[in-house]
Amino acid sequence: MIHRSLSYDPTPEHRISRTKWSRGFAVVYGTILLLLLTFIAAHRLLNGPNAATEIAGEYAAPPAANNLLHAN
């Protein structure tokens, strides 16, 4: 099998078109990624790191440091 038959030499129009499509995909997926990261960061900032213990309420165990203080 001759490998030259598999070569592809794009025309300048094809190169321009491929570059535009590549940039378009990068912009679209980059925007989606930034929106997801912004949503995650905003969710963490608004709810705080201890949202699960606040939801649990009275069933949440106190931190280990508080157990040592109350043991005396």
C-alpha atoms as a PDB file:
ATOM      1  CA  MET A   1       0.000   0.000   0.000  1.00  0.00           C
ATOM      2  CA  ILE A   2       1.381   3.364  -0.953  1.00  0.00           C
ATOM      3  CA  HIS A   3       1.181   5.881   1.876  1.00  0.00           C
ATOM      4  CA  ARG A   4       1.176   8.818  -0.488  1.00  0.00           C
ATOM      5  CA  SER A   5      -2.355   7.963  -1.497  1.00  0.00           C
ATOM      6  CA  LEU A   6      -3.490   8.629   2.081  1.00  0.00           C
ATOM      7  CA  SER A   7      -1.965  12.071   2.351  1.00  0.00           C
ATOM      8  CA  TYR A   8      -4.216  15.102   2.593  1.00  0.00           C
ATOM      9  CA  ASP A   9      -3.185  18.570   1.554  1.00  0.00           C
ATOM     10  CA  PRO A  10      -5.959  20.994   2.496  1.00  0.00           C
ATOM     11  CA  THR A  11      -6.588  24.056   0.407  1.00  0.00           C
ATOM     12  CA  PRO A  12      -6.274  27.496   2.007  1.00  0.00           C
ATOM     13  CA  GLU A  13     -10.076  27.717   2.181  1.00  0.00           C
ATOM     14  CA  HIS A  14     -10.219  24.432   4.104  1.00  0.00           C
ATOM     15  CA  ARG A  15      -7.531  25.618   6.529  1.00  0.00           C
ATOM     16  CA  ILE A  16      -9.435  28.825   7.216  1.00  0.00           C
ATOM     17  CA  SER A  17     -12.665  26.920   7.678  1.00  0.00           C
ATOM     18  CA  ARG A  18     -11.046  24.414  10.061  1.00  0.00           C
ATOM     19  CA  THR A  19      -9.461  27.231  12.072  1.00  0.00           C
ATOM     20  CA  LYS A  20     -12.830  28.977  12.429  1.00  0.00           C
ATOM     21  CA  TRP A  21     -14.528  25.754  13.553  1.00  0.00           C
ATOM     22  CA  SER A  22     -11.745  25.010  16.050  1.00  0.00           C
ATOM     23  CA  ARG A  23     -11.987  28.476  17.547  1.00  0.00           C
ATOM     24  CA  GLY A  24     -15.763  28.210  17.682  1.00  0.00           C
ATOM     25  CA  PHE A  25     -15.606  24.911  19.569  1.00  0.00           C
ATOM     26  CA  ALA A  26     -13.006  26.329  21.943  1.00  0.00           C
ATOM     27  CA  VAL A  27     -15.190  29.363  22.668  1.00  0.00           C
ATOM     28  CA  VAL A  28     -18.350  27.318  23.204  1.00  0.00           C
ATOM     29  CA  TYR A  29     -16.815  24.663  25.441  1.00  0.00           C
ATOM     30  CA  GLY A  30     -14.648  27.218  27.251  1.00  0.00           C
ATOM     31  CA  THR A  31     -17.743  29.272  28.039  1.00  0.00           C
ATOM     32  CA  ILE A  32     -19.577  26.193  29.322  1.00  0.00           C
ATOM     33  CA  LEU A  33     -16.603  25.291  31.514  1.00  0.00           C
ATOM     34  CA  LEU A  34     -16.356  28.810  32.942  1.00  0.00           C
ATOM     35  CA  LEU A  35     -20.087  28.884  33.682  1.00  0.00           C
ATOM     36  CA  LEU A  36     -19.876  25.545  35.502  1.00  0.00           C
ATOM     37  CA  LEU A  37     -16.873  26.663  37.540  1.00  0.00           C
ATOM     38  CA  THR A  38     -18.614  29.940  38.400  1.00  0.00           C
ATOM     39  CA  PHE A  39     -21.743  28.076  39.474  1.00  0.00           C
ATOM     40  CA  ILE A  40     -19.741  25.710  41.683  1.00  0.00           C
ATOM     41  CA  ALA A  41     -17.753  28.564  43.253  1.00  0.00           C
ATOM     42  CA  ALA A  42     -20.904  30.624  43.897  1.00  0.00           C
ATOM     43  CA  HIS A  43     -22.647  27.616  45.416  1.00  0.00           C
ATOM     44  CA  ARG A  44     -19.725  27.032  47.792  1.00  0.00           C
ATOM     45  CA  LEU A  45     -19.503  30.707  48.748  1.00  0.00           C
ATOM     46  CA  LEU A  46     -23.219  31.025  49.425  1.00  0.00           C
ATOM     47  CA  ASN A  47     -23.662  27.768  51.341  1.00  0.00           C
ATOM     48  CA  GLY A  48     -20.304  27.590  53.101  1.00  0.00           C
ATOM     49  CA  PRO A  49     -18.220  24.518  53.777  1.00  0.00           C
ATOM     50  CA  ASN A  50     -20.448  23.241  56.628  1.00  0.00           C
ATOM     51  CA  ALA A  51     -23.770  23.162  54.808  1.00  0.00           C
ATOM     52  CA  ALA A  52     -24.227  19.454  55.522  1.00  0.00           C
ATOM     53  CA  THR A  53     -23.867  19.870  59.287  1.00  0.00           C
ATOM     54  CA  GLU A  54     -26.250  22.822  59.279  1.00  0.00           C
ATOM     55  CA  ILE A  55     -28.840  20.732  57.465  1.00  0.00           C
ATOM     56  CA  ALA A  56     -28.359  17.870  59.918  1.00  0.00           C
ATOM     57  CA  GLY A  57     -29.083  20.208  62.846  1.00  0.00           C
ATOM     58  CA  GLU A  58     -29.200  18.487  66.233  1.00  0.00           C
ATOM     59  CA  TYR A  59     -28.009  15.182  64.784  1.00  0.00           C
ATOM     60  CA  ALA A  60     -24.613  16.611  63.834  1.00  0.00           C
ATOM     61  CA  ALA A  61     -21.744  15.514  66.068  1.00  0.00           C
ATOM     62  CA  PRO A  62     -19.708  18.301  67.672  1.00  0.00           C
ATOM     63  CA  PRO A  63     -16.115  18.719  66.502  1.00  0.00           C
ATOM     64  CA  ALA A  64     -13.426  16.638  68.248  1.00  0.00           C
ATOM     65  CA  ALA A  65     -11.842  19.739  69.863  1.00  0.00           C
ATOM     66  CA  ASN A  66     -15.112  20.559  71.644  1.00  0.00           C
ATOM     67  CA  ASN A  67     -15.334  17.006  72.976  1.00  0.00           C
ATOM     68  CA  LEU A  68     -12.007  17.430  74.734  1.00  0.00           C
ATOM     69  CA  LEU A  69     -13.081  20.703  76.359  1.00  0.00           C
ATOM     70  CA  HIS A  70     -16.367  19.282  77.685  1.00  0.00           C
ATOM     71  CA  ALA A  71     -14.817  16.050  78.990  1.00  0.00           C
ATOM     72  CA  ASN A  72     -13.499  17.723  82.185  1.00  0.00           C
END
